[in-house]
Protein backbone atom coordinates (compact mmCIF):
# COMPACT_ATOMS: atom_id res chain seq x y z
CA UNK A 1 -36.53 -0.38 24.63
CA UNK A 2 -36.79 -3.27 27.09
CA UNK A 3 -34.08 -5.81 26.37
CA UNK A 4 -31.68 -8.24 27.94
CA UNK A 5 -28.20 -8.64 26.59
CA UNK A 6 -25.26 -10.98 26.99
CA UNK A 7 -21.92 -9.58 25.86
CA UNK A 8 -18.97 -11.85 25.12
CA UNK A 9 -15.50 -10.53 24.35
CA UNK A 10 -13.81 -12.99 22.02
CA UNK A 11 -10.18 -13.19 20.84
CA UNK A 12 -8.99 -10.77 18.15
CA UNK A 13 -11.18 -7.95 19.53
CA UNK A 14 -14.44 -9.54 18.41
CA UNK A 15 -17.64 -8.86 20.34
CA UNK A 16 -20.55 -11.32 20.31
CA UNK A 17 -24.02 -10.30 21.47
CA UNK A 18 -27.03 -12.34 22.53
CA UNK A 19 -29.98 -9.94 22.64
CA UNK A 20 -33.57 -10.63 23.76
CA UNK A 21 -36.13 -7.87 23.27
CA UNK A 22 -39.14 -7.91 25.58
CA UNK A 23 -42.54 -8.65 24.05
CA UNK A 24 -43.92 -5.23 24.99
CA UNK A 25 -41.16 -3.50 23.00
CA UNK A 26 -41.78 -5.91 20.13
CA UNK A 27 -45.46 -4.99 20.14
CA UNK A 28 -44.67 -1.27 20.21
CA UNK A 29 -42.32 -1.59 17.24
CA UNK A 30 -44.87 -3.62 15.27
CA UNK A 31 -47.59 -1.10 16.08
CA UNK A 32 -45.43 1.76 14.77
CA UNK A 33 -44.89 -0.10 11.49
CA UNK A 34 -48.60 -0.86 11.09
CA UNK A 35 -49.53 2.78 11.75
CA UNK A 36 -47.02 3.84 9.07
CA UNK A 37 -48.68 1.49 6.59
CA UNK A 38 -52.12 2.79 7.60
CA UNK A 39 -50.98 6.33 6.84
CA UNK A 40 -49.17 5.70 3.56
CA UNK A 41 -50.61 2.54 1.98
CA UNK A 42 -52.37 2.91 -1.37
CA UNK A 43 -55.00 0.23 -2.11
CA UNK A 44 -57.51 0.48 -4.95
CA UNK A 45 -61.01 1.19 -3.62
CA UNK A 46 -59.81 2.94 -0.48
CA UNK A 47 -58.79 6.49 0.19
CA UNK A 48 -55.22 6.98 1.43
CA UNK A 49 -55.17 6.82 5.23
CA UNK A 50 -58.63 5.24 5.40
CA UNK A 51 -57.78 1.58 4.80
CA UNK A 52 -59.13 -0.68 7.59
CA UNK A 53 -56.47 -2.16 9.87
CA UNK A 54 -57.47 -5.78 9.17
CA UNK A 55 -56.98 -5.14 5.43
CA UNK A 56 -53.57 -3.54 6.07
CA UNK A 57 -52.39 -6.41 8.29
CA UNK A 58 -53.62 -9.03 5.86
CA UNK A 59 -52.35 -7.34 2.70
CA UNK A 60 -48.90 -6.34 4.01
CA UNK A 61 -48.27 -9.12 6.52
CA UNK A 62 -44.84 -10.08 5.17
CA UNK A 63 -43.65 -6.46 4.77
CA UNK A 64 -44.86 -5.53 8.25
CA UNK A 65 -42.95 -8.47 9.72
CA UNK A 66 -39.72 -7.68 7.85
CA UNK A 67 -39.81 -3.96 8.66
CA UNK A 68 -40.55 -4.69 12.32
CA UNK A 69 -37.55 -7.00 12.53
CA UNK A 70 -35.37 -4.40 10.81
CA UNK A 71 -36.51 -1.69 13.25
CA UNK A 72 -35.97 -3.94 16.28
CA UNK A 73 -32.45 -4.84 15.13
CA UNK A 74 -31.48 -1.24 14.39
CA UNK A 75 -32.86 0.26 17.60
CA UNK A 76 -31.61 -2.47 19.93
CA UNK A 77 -28.09 -2.50 18.44
CA UNK A 78 -27.88 1.28 18.78
CA UNK A 79 -28.95 0.99 22.42
CA UNK A 80 -26.49 -1.80 23.26
CA UNK A 81 -23.57 0.01 21.60
CA UNK A 82 -24.39 3.18 23.55
CA UNK A 83 -24.80 1.37 26.87
CA UNK A 84 -21.58 -0.64 26.49
CA UNK A 85 -19.68 2.29 24.90
CA UNK A 86 -18.61 0.12 21.99
CA UNK A 87 -17.23 1.72 18.81
CA UNK A 88 -17.36 -0.96 16.11
CA UNK A 89 -14.76 -0.91 13.36
CA UNK A 90 -16.84 -3.31 11.29
CA UNK A 91 -20.58 -3.32 10.63
CA UNK A 92 -22.45 -5.54 13.11
CA UNK A 93 -23.45 -8.81 11.48
CA UNK A 94 -26.54 -10.73 12.63
CA UNK A 95 -25.47 -14.37 12.82
CA UNK A 96 -28.69 -15.89 14.17
CA UNK A 97 -32.22 -14.53 14.30
CA UNK A 98 -35.40 -15.79 15.92
CA UNK A 99 -38.91 -15.69 14.52
CA UNK A 100 -41.18 -12.73 15.17
CA UNK A 101 -44.26 -14.03 16.98
CA UNK A 102 -47.01 -11.85 18.46
CA UNK A 103 -46.94 -11.47 22.23
CA UNK A 104 -43.53 -13.15 22.52
CA UNK A 105 -39.94 -11.96 23.09
CA UNK A 106 -37.70 -11.56 20.05
CA UNK A 107 -34.07 -12.81 20.14
CA UNK A 108 -31.05 -12.63 17.88
CA UNK A 109 -27.27 -12.94 17.91
CA UNK A 110 -24.81 -10.50 16.37
CA UNK A 111 -21.07 -9.88 16.21
CA UNK A 112 -18.69 -7.10 15.27
CA UNK A 113 -15.06 -6.05 15.70
CA UNK A 114 -13.79 -3.24 17.90
CA UNK A 115 -10.40 -1.59 18.11
CA UNK A 116 -8.15 -3.91 20.13
CA UNK A 117 -6.86 -2.85 23.50
CA UNK A 118 -3.12 -2.24 23.41
CA UNK A 119 -1.43 -3.53 26.56
CA UNK A 120 2.01 -1.94 26.39
CA UNK A 121 5.07 -3.28 28.21
CA UNK A 122 7.54 -0.87 29.79
CA UNK A 123 8.64 1.18 26.80
CA UNK A 124 10.89 3.79 28.41
CA UNK A 125 14.57 2.96 28.67
CA UNK A 126 14.40 -0.19 26.53
CA UNK A 127 17.87 -1.66 25.89
CA UNK A 128 18.66 -2.03 22.21
CA UNK A 129 21.55 -1.84 19.75
CA UNK A 130 22.58 1.40 18.11
CA UNK A 131 23.61 0.83 14.51
CA UNK A 132 26.33 2.82 12.80
CA UNK A 133 27.08 2.47 9.10
CA UNK A 134 30.63 3.22 8.03
CA UNK A 135 31.35 4.55 4.55
CA UNK A 136 34.51 3.11 3.02
CA UNK A 137 36.53 4.26 0.02
CA UNK A 138 35.07 1.41 -2.05
CA UNK A 139 31.59 2.89 -1.60
CA UNK A 140 32.86 6.32 -2.61
CA UNK A 141 34.53 4.84 -5.68
CA UNK A 142 31.32 3.03 -6.67
CA UNK A 143 29.39 6.29 -6.37
CA UNK A 144 31.96 8.05 -8.56
CA UNK A 145 31.65 5.30 -11.16
CA UNK A 146 27.90 5.72 -11.01
CA UNK A 147 28.36 9.44 -11.74
CA UNK A 148 30.55 8.56 -14.72
CA UNK A 149 27.80 6.23 -16.00
CA UNK A 150 25.22 8.97 -15.55
CA UNK A 151 27.24 11.43 -17.67
CA UNK A 152 28.39 8.90 -20.27
CA UNK A 153 27.89 9.59 -23.97
CA UNK A 154 27.30 7.28 -26.94
CA UNK A 155 29.94 7.43 -29.67
CA UNK A 156 29.84 5.78 -33.08
CA UNK A 157 32.39 3.03 -33.72
CA UNK A 158 33.61 1.61 -37.02
CA UNK A 159 33.57 -2.07 -36.08
CA UNK A 160 31.16 -4.98 -35.66
CA UNK A 161 28.72 -4.71 -32.77
CA UNK A 162 29.45 -6.59 -29.57
CA UNK A 163 27.71 -7.16 -26.24
CA UNK A 164 27.46 -3.83 -24.38
CA UNK A 165 27.07 -1.77 -27.56
CA UNK A 166 24.04 0.12 -28.83
CA UNK A 167 22.70 -0.55 -32.32
CA UNK A 168 20.65 2.09 -34.19
CA UNK A 169 18.48 0.31 -36.74
CA UNK A 170 15.22 -0.01 -38.66
CA UNK A 171 13.30 -3.24 -38.48
CA UNK A 172 10.29 -4.75 -40.20
CA UNK A 173 8.20 -7.64 -38.93
CA UNK A 174 7.34 -10.04 -41.73
CA UNK A 175 4.27 -12.23 -42.14
CA UNK A 176 4.56 -15.88 -43.27
CA UNK A 177 4.48 -14.69 -46.90
CA UNK A 178 7.42 -12.33 -46.36
CA UNK A 179 5.32 -9.16 -46.45
CA UNK A 180 5.84 -6.34 -43.96
CA UNK A 181 3.08 -6.05 -41.33
CA UNK A 182 4.79 -3.86 -38.73
CA UNK A 183 7.87 -1.67 -38.94
CA UNK A 184 9.86 0.74 -36.78
CA UNK A 185 12.44 3.36 -37.74
CA UNK A 186 15.60 4.47 -35.88
CA UNK A 187 15.26 2.14 -32.93
CA UNK A 188 18.19 2.03 -30.48
CA UNK A 189 18.77 -1.47 -29.11
CA UNK A 190 21.12 -2.21 -26.23
CA UNK A 191 22.99 -5.46 -26.65
CA UNK A 192 22.54 -6.89 -23.19
CA UNK A 193 24.71 -9.71 -21.90
CA UNK A 194 21.62 -11.59 -20.78
CA UNK A 195 20.03 -14.39 -22.80
CA UNK A 196 18.49 -12.04 -25.33
CA UNK A 197 17.75 -13.58 -28.73
CA UNK A 198 17.64 -10.25 -30.55
CA UNK A 199 20.87 -8.95 -28.99
CA UNK A 200 22.75 -12.17 -29.71
CA UNK A 201 21.72 -12.08 -33.38
CA UNK A 202 22.76 -8.44 -33.74
CA UNK A 203 26.27 -9.16 -32.49
CA UNK A 204 28.75 -8.91 -35.37
CA UNK A 205 26.71 -6.52 -37.53
CA UNK A 206 28.21 -3.23 -38.77
CA UNK A 207 26.83 0.01 -40.13
CA UNK A 208 24.70 -0.55 -43.31
CA UNK A 209 24.44 -4.30 -42.70
CA UNK A 210 21.10 -6.05 -43.26
CA UNK A 211 19.97 -9.32 -41.73
CA UNK A 212 16.93 -11.54 -41.35
CA UNK A 213 16.36 -12.53 -37.73
CA UNK A 214 14.09 -15.17 -36.20
CA UNK A 215 12.77 -14.69 -32.65
CA UNK A 216 11.21 -17.75 -30.97
CA UNK A 217 8.87 -17.24 -28.03
CA UNK A 218 7.44 -20.00 -25.87
CA UNK A 219 4.18 -19.94 -23.94
CA UNK A 220 1.80 -22.26 -22.11
CA UNK A 221 -1.78 -22.84 -23.22
CA UNK A 222 -4.10 -25.13 -21.25
CA UNK A 223 -1.11 -26.89 -19.74
CA UNK A 224 0.56 -27.47 -23.12
CA UNK A 225 3.88 -25.84 -24.00
CA UNK A 226 3.75 -24.05 -27.35
CA UNK A 227 5.91 -21.65 -29.33
CA UNK A 228 5.65 -19.14 -32.14
CA UNK A 229 8.26 -17.38 -34.20
CA UNK A 230 8.61 -13.81 -35.41
CA UNK A 231 10.59 -12.99 -38.54
CA UNK A 232 12.39 -9.63 -38.60
CA UNK A 233 14.37 -7.84 -41.30
CA UNK A 234 16.82 -5.39 -39.76
CA UNK A 235 18.85 -2.60 -41.34
CA UNK A 236 21.71 -1.24 -39.19
CA UNK A 237 22.35 2.51 -39.36
CA UNK A 238 25.00 2.82 -36.69
CA UNK A 239 26.89 1.00 -33.93
CA UNK A 240 27.69 2.97 -30.79
CA UNK A 241 29.58 2.31 -27.61
CA UNK A 242 29.27 4.00 -24.25
CA UNK A 243 32.10 6.45 -23.60
CA UNK A 244 32.70 7.23 -19.94
CA UNK A 245 34.20 10.62 -19.07
CA UNK A 246 37.64 10.58 -17.50
CA UNK A 247 37.59 10.82 -13.72
CA UNK A 248 39.64 13.99 -13.31
CA UNK A 249 39.42 17.61 -12.16
CA UNK A 250 37.59 18.70 -15.32
CA UNK A 251 34.92 16.09 -14.75
CA UNK A 252 34.49 17.25 -11.15
CA UNK A 253 34.06 20.87 -12.29
CA UNK A 254 31.61 19.94 -15.07
CA UNK A 255 29.15 18.05 -12.90
CA UNK A 256 29.38 19.92 -9.58
CA UNK A 257 30.60 23.02 -7.83
CA UNK A 258 33.77 21.19 -6.74
CA UNK A 259 37.06 22.76 -7.75
CA UNK A 260 38.82 19.44 -8.32
CA UNK A 261 38.47 15.67 -8.08
CA UNK A 262 39.59 15.49 -4.44
CA UNK A 263 36.93 17.99 -3.43
CA UNK A 264 34.31 15.99 -5.38
CA UNK A 265 35.33 12.82 -3.56
CA UNK A 266 35.01 14.64 -0.24
CA UNK A 267 31.52 15.89 -1.14
CA UNK A 268 30.43 12.44 -2.30
CA UNK A 269 31.65 10.88 0.92
CA UNK A 270 29.86 13.51 3.02
CA UNK A 271 26.59 12.85 1.19
CA UNK A 272 26.99 9.10 1.61
CA UNK A 273 27.70 9.56 5.31
CA UNK A 274 24.54 11.63 5.74
CA UNK A 275 22.47 8.95 4.06
CA UNK A 276 24.22 6.21 6.04
CA UNK A 277 23.49 8.06 9.29
CA UNK A 278 19.81 8.41 8.36
CA UNK A 279 19.48 4.74 7.46
CA UNK A 280 21.35 3.62 10.57
CA UNK A 281 18.95 5.63 12.73
CA UNK A 282 16.00 4.12 10.86
CA UNK A 283 17.33 0.61 11.48
CA UNK A 284 17.94 1.35 15.15
CA UNK A 285 14.41 2.71 15.58
CA UNK A 286 12.86 -0.20 13.69
CA UNK A 287 14.61 -2.77 15.88
CA UNK A 288 13.70 -0.84 19.02
CA UNK A 289 10.04 -0.71 18.02
CA UNK A 290 10.02 -4.41 17.13
CA UNK A 291 11.28 -5.29 20.62
CA UNK A 292 8.36 -3.41 22.16
CA UNK A 293 5.85 -4.97 19.76
CA UNK A 294 7.08 -8.45 20.66
CA UNK A 295 6.21 -7.78 24.32
CA UNK A 296 2.89 -6.02 23.59
CA UNK A 297 -0.38 -7.84 24.17
CA UNK A 298 -2.26 -7.05 20.99
CA UNK A 299 -4.77 -9.10 18.97
CA UNK A 300 -5.75 -7.83 15.55
CA UNK A 301 -9.33 -8.17 14.23
CA UNK A 302 -9.62 -9.91 10.86
CA UNK A 303 -11.66 -7.01 9.49
CA UNK A 304 -8.82 -4.59 10.28
CA UNK A 305 -6.25 -6.87 8.67
CA UNK A 306 -8.45 -7.15 5.60
CA UNK A 307 -8.74 -3.38 5.30
CA UNK A 308 -4.97 -2.95 5.52
CA UNK A 309 -4.41 -5.73 2.96
CA UNK A 310 -6.77 -3.88 0.59
CA UNK A 311 -4.87 -0.63 1.16
CA UNK A 312 -1.52 -2.27 0.42
CA UNK A 313 -2.98 -3.95 -2.63
CA UNK A 314 -4.24 -0.61 -3.93
CA UNK A 315 -0.77 0.91 -3.42
CA UNK A 316 0.91 -1.92 -5.35
CA UNK A 317 -1.66 -1.88 -8.16
CA UNK A 318 -1.26 1.90 -8.55
CA UNK A 319 2.54 1.88 -8.36
CA UNK A 320 3.03 -0.93 -10.89
CA UNK A 321 -0.03 -0.16 -13.03
CA UNK A 322 -1.47 -3.63 -12.54
CA UNK A 323 -4.87 -4.44 -14.01
CA UNK A 324 -6.79 -5.22 -10.81
CA UNK A 325 -9.83 -6.63 -12.62
CA UNK A 326 -7.61 -9.01 -14.55
CA UNK A 327 -5.86 -10.03 -11.33
CA UNK A 328 -9.20 -10.74 -9.63
CA UNK A 329 -10.40 -13.03 -12.41
CA UNK A 330 -8.23 -15.84 -11.10
CA UNK A 331 -9.83 -16.17 -7.66
CA UNK A 332 -7.33 -18.70 -6.30
CA UNK A 333 -4.33 -16.65 -7.40
CA UNK A 334 -5.89 -13.43 -6.10
CA UNK A 335 -6.60 -15.02 -2.71
CA UNK A 336 -3.01 -16.26 -2.55
CA UNK A 337 -1.77 -12.76 -3.36
CA UNK A 338 -3.88 -11.32 -0.55
CA UNK A 339 -2.62 -13.98 1.86
CA UNK A 340 0.98 -13.08 1.08
CA UNK A 341 0.27 -9.46 2.02
CA UNK A 342 -1.14 -10.38 5.44
CA UNK A 343 2.18 -10.49 7.37
CA UNK A 344 3.10 -7.04 6.06
CA UNK A 345 -0.39 -5.72 6.88
CA UNK A 346 -0.20 -7.11 10.43
CA UNK A 347 3.25 -5.62 10.96
CA UNK A 348 2.02 -2.20 9.78
CA UNK A 349 -1.02 -2.32 12.07
CA UNK A 350 0.98 -3.37 15.13
CA UNK A 351 3.52 -0.62 14.60
CA UNK A 352 0.79 1.97 14.15
CA UNK A 353 -1.22 0.87 17.20
CA UNK A 354 1.76 0.66 19.52
CA UNK A 355 3.01 4.11 18.50
CA UNK A 356 -0.50 5.55 18.71
CA UNK A 357 -0.93 4.22 22.25
CA UNK A 358 2.46 5.60 23.29
CA UNK A 359 1.50 8.99 21.83
CA UNK A 360 -1.74 8.88 23.83
CA UNK A 361 -0.08 7.87 27.10
CA UNK A 362 2.68 10.46 26.72
CA UNK A 363 0.25 13.13 25.52
CA UNK A 364 2.35 13.71 22.42
CA UNK A 365 0.90 16.49 20.28
CA UNK A 366 1.75 17.89 16.88
CA UNK A 367 2.09 21.64 16.66
CA UNK A 368 0.62 23.37 13.63
CA UNK A 369 4.09 24.75 12.87
CA UNK A 370 5.46 21.21 12.59
CA UNK A 371 2.70 20.28 10.15
CA UNK A 372 3.38 23.40 8.08
CA UNK A 373 7.10 22.64 8.01
CA UNK A 374 6.45 19.21 6.50
CA UNK A 375 4.03 20.59 3.92
CA UNK A 376 6.43 23.41 3.05
CA UNK A 377 9.28 20.94 2.46
CA UNK A 378 7.03 18.86 0.18
CA UNK A 379 5.94 21.97 -1.72
CA UNK A 380 9.55 23.07 -2.23
CA UNK A 381 10.62 19.62 -3.46
CA UNK A 382 7.81 19.64 -6.00
CA UNK A 383 8.15 23.36 -6.87
CA UNK A 384 4.62 24.16 -5.76
CA UNK A 385 3.02 26.86 -3.65
CA UNK A 386 2.77 26.09 0.06
CA UNK A 387 -0.74 27.55 0.27
CA UNK A 388 -1.91 25.60 -2.78
CA UNK A 389 -0.57 22.31 -1.40
CA UNK A 390 -2.04 22.85 2.07
CA UNK A 391 -5.43 23.90 0.72
CA UNK A 392 -5.54 20.91 -1.59
CA UNK A 393 -4.65 18.56 1.29
CA UNK A 394 -7.38 20.11 3.42
CA UNK A 395 -9.94 19.64 0.65
CA UNK A 396 -9.14 15.99 0.00
CA UNK A 397 -8.79 15.25 3.74
CA UNK A 398 -5.19 13.98 3.35
CA UNK A 399 -3.94 16.61 5.81
CA UNK A 400 -5.45 14.64 8.71
CA UNK A 401 -3.58 11.55 7.56
CA UNK A 402 -0.33 13.51 7.42
CA UNK A 403 -0.95 14.96 10.89
CA UNK A 404 -1.54 11.43 12.23
CA UNK A 405 1.64 10.02 10.61
CA UNK A 406 3.77 12.87 11.95
CA UNK A 407 2.38 12.29 15.44
CA UNK A 408 3.38 8.62 15.19
CA UNK A 409 6.85 9.70 14.04
CA UNK A 410 7.13 11.85 17.17
CA UNK A 411 6.18 8.85 19.30
CA UNK A 412 8.92 6.81 17.63
CA UNK A 413 11.39 9.64 18.23
CA UNK A 414 10.31 9.64 21.88
CA UNK A 415 11.15 5.92 22.12
CA UNK A 416 14.50 6.48 20.44
CA UNK A 417 15.53 9.33 22.75
CA UNK A 418 14.50 7.40 25.87
CA UNK A 419 16.07 4.06 24.88
CA UNK A 420 19.27 2.65 26.36
CA UNK A 421 21.43 2.34 23.24
CA UNK A 422 24.55 1.24 25.06
CA UNK A 423 25.70 -1.44 22.63
CA UNK A 424 26.99 -0.08 19.33
CA UNK A 425 27.02 -2.28 16.24
CA UNK A 426 29.03 -1.06 13.27
CA UNK A 427 28.08 -2.23 9.79
CA UNK A 428 29.53 -1.44 6.39
CA UNK A 429 27.24 0.81 4.41
CA UNK A 430 26.24 -0.53 1.01
CA UNK A 431 24.04 0.91 -1.63
CA UNK A 432 22.13 -0.68 -4.51
CA UNK A 433 20.37 0.81 -7.49
CA UNK A 434 17.20 1.52 -5.51
CA UNK A 435 18.88 3.52 -2.74
CA UNK A 436 20.59 2.82 0.56
CA UNK A 437 20.61 -0.69 1.94
CA UNK A 438 22.78 -2.39 4.49
């Protein structure tokens, strides 16, 4: 195809094209479309393939024009992409299109995104801090208390209920006429110390006590604050308190293979130190990678950011069982939610692209044995067959994703081993309910 092109590389890895197709190529494309209509058109009064050209051109003028334009766009874009060796990551979008006139050139403008070029700084021997988390006795004691909580039992008490107790009860929800419309049997309610209306009204009740309780709930409707009340009749069957096991040698033997409490403390500390070491290394690597990213020339295409935002959104929706359709109904709120995910999406993409480029430059490969080792560990954790897991991953194509992630991990390990971690920063290891944090 005879064409002239003007290629502009814009910020954020966007490519803009100005394309002009020569009139001879336009005529050829139009002729091909007309011949196709001549072969396949069905018009009453004419045999298929025998319709006169002037009838075809007159009858299908609009369709011939549209299909010619479509063919010119498709063929010319394919040619330009091949000549320029572009690999779009978004579908080319025609932003401006000229009219198709016989015996004249045809012009249009289009744009698309490509993978950005990653201009790495010097990444070998980068100076950074090495973090070390120290595990103190207070952390060990907190972990032991957590173990006591985990193996606590509930014991009945012959006294009025108080905050921190558990109340076993039946309850019935009453309608405005005092009739039961919903009831539950043998419900265990924890009397939380938070501002809980039900818990506060259960305080002071004993076994076999009955009480009518009113729960008031407030809500907003069309900007107006409203409230409604729920009437409950409760019947207490039992009051229980949490009984923690004594922290002694017997406890240590019951919950572990330790011979005594001192040995349990030692094991707990060793486990905490392993986790602290892992997290400290993670923090060191993350800070090291961030230093390289800050010095990397990298512009992210909007289409790529949007795709990563969608992926993160899908993860969140799946993890927290959010009704996506309901979330999307409020367009302004949904757009704000997407906007809040952008910084995280951009950080993920920059980390991935920097590590991918380092893996390419250093020719970092992943051996099949390394892949199998990771799959085998997953299979063992989930008590599944290695072959079954690997075959399933191959079928659903997730094995390629795993191979890619492991290769990026090797690139990060390469950075870590080649960094200058001369300055050590010691931090006290802490741990919250969700795992290790510092």
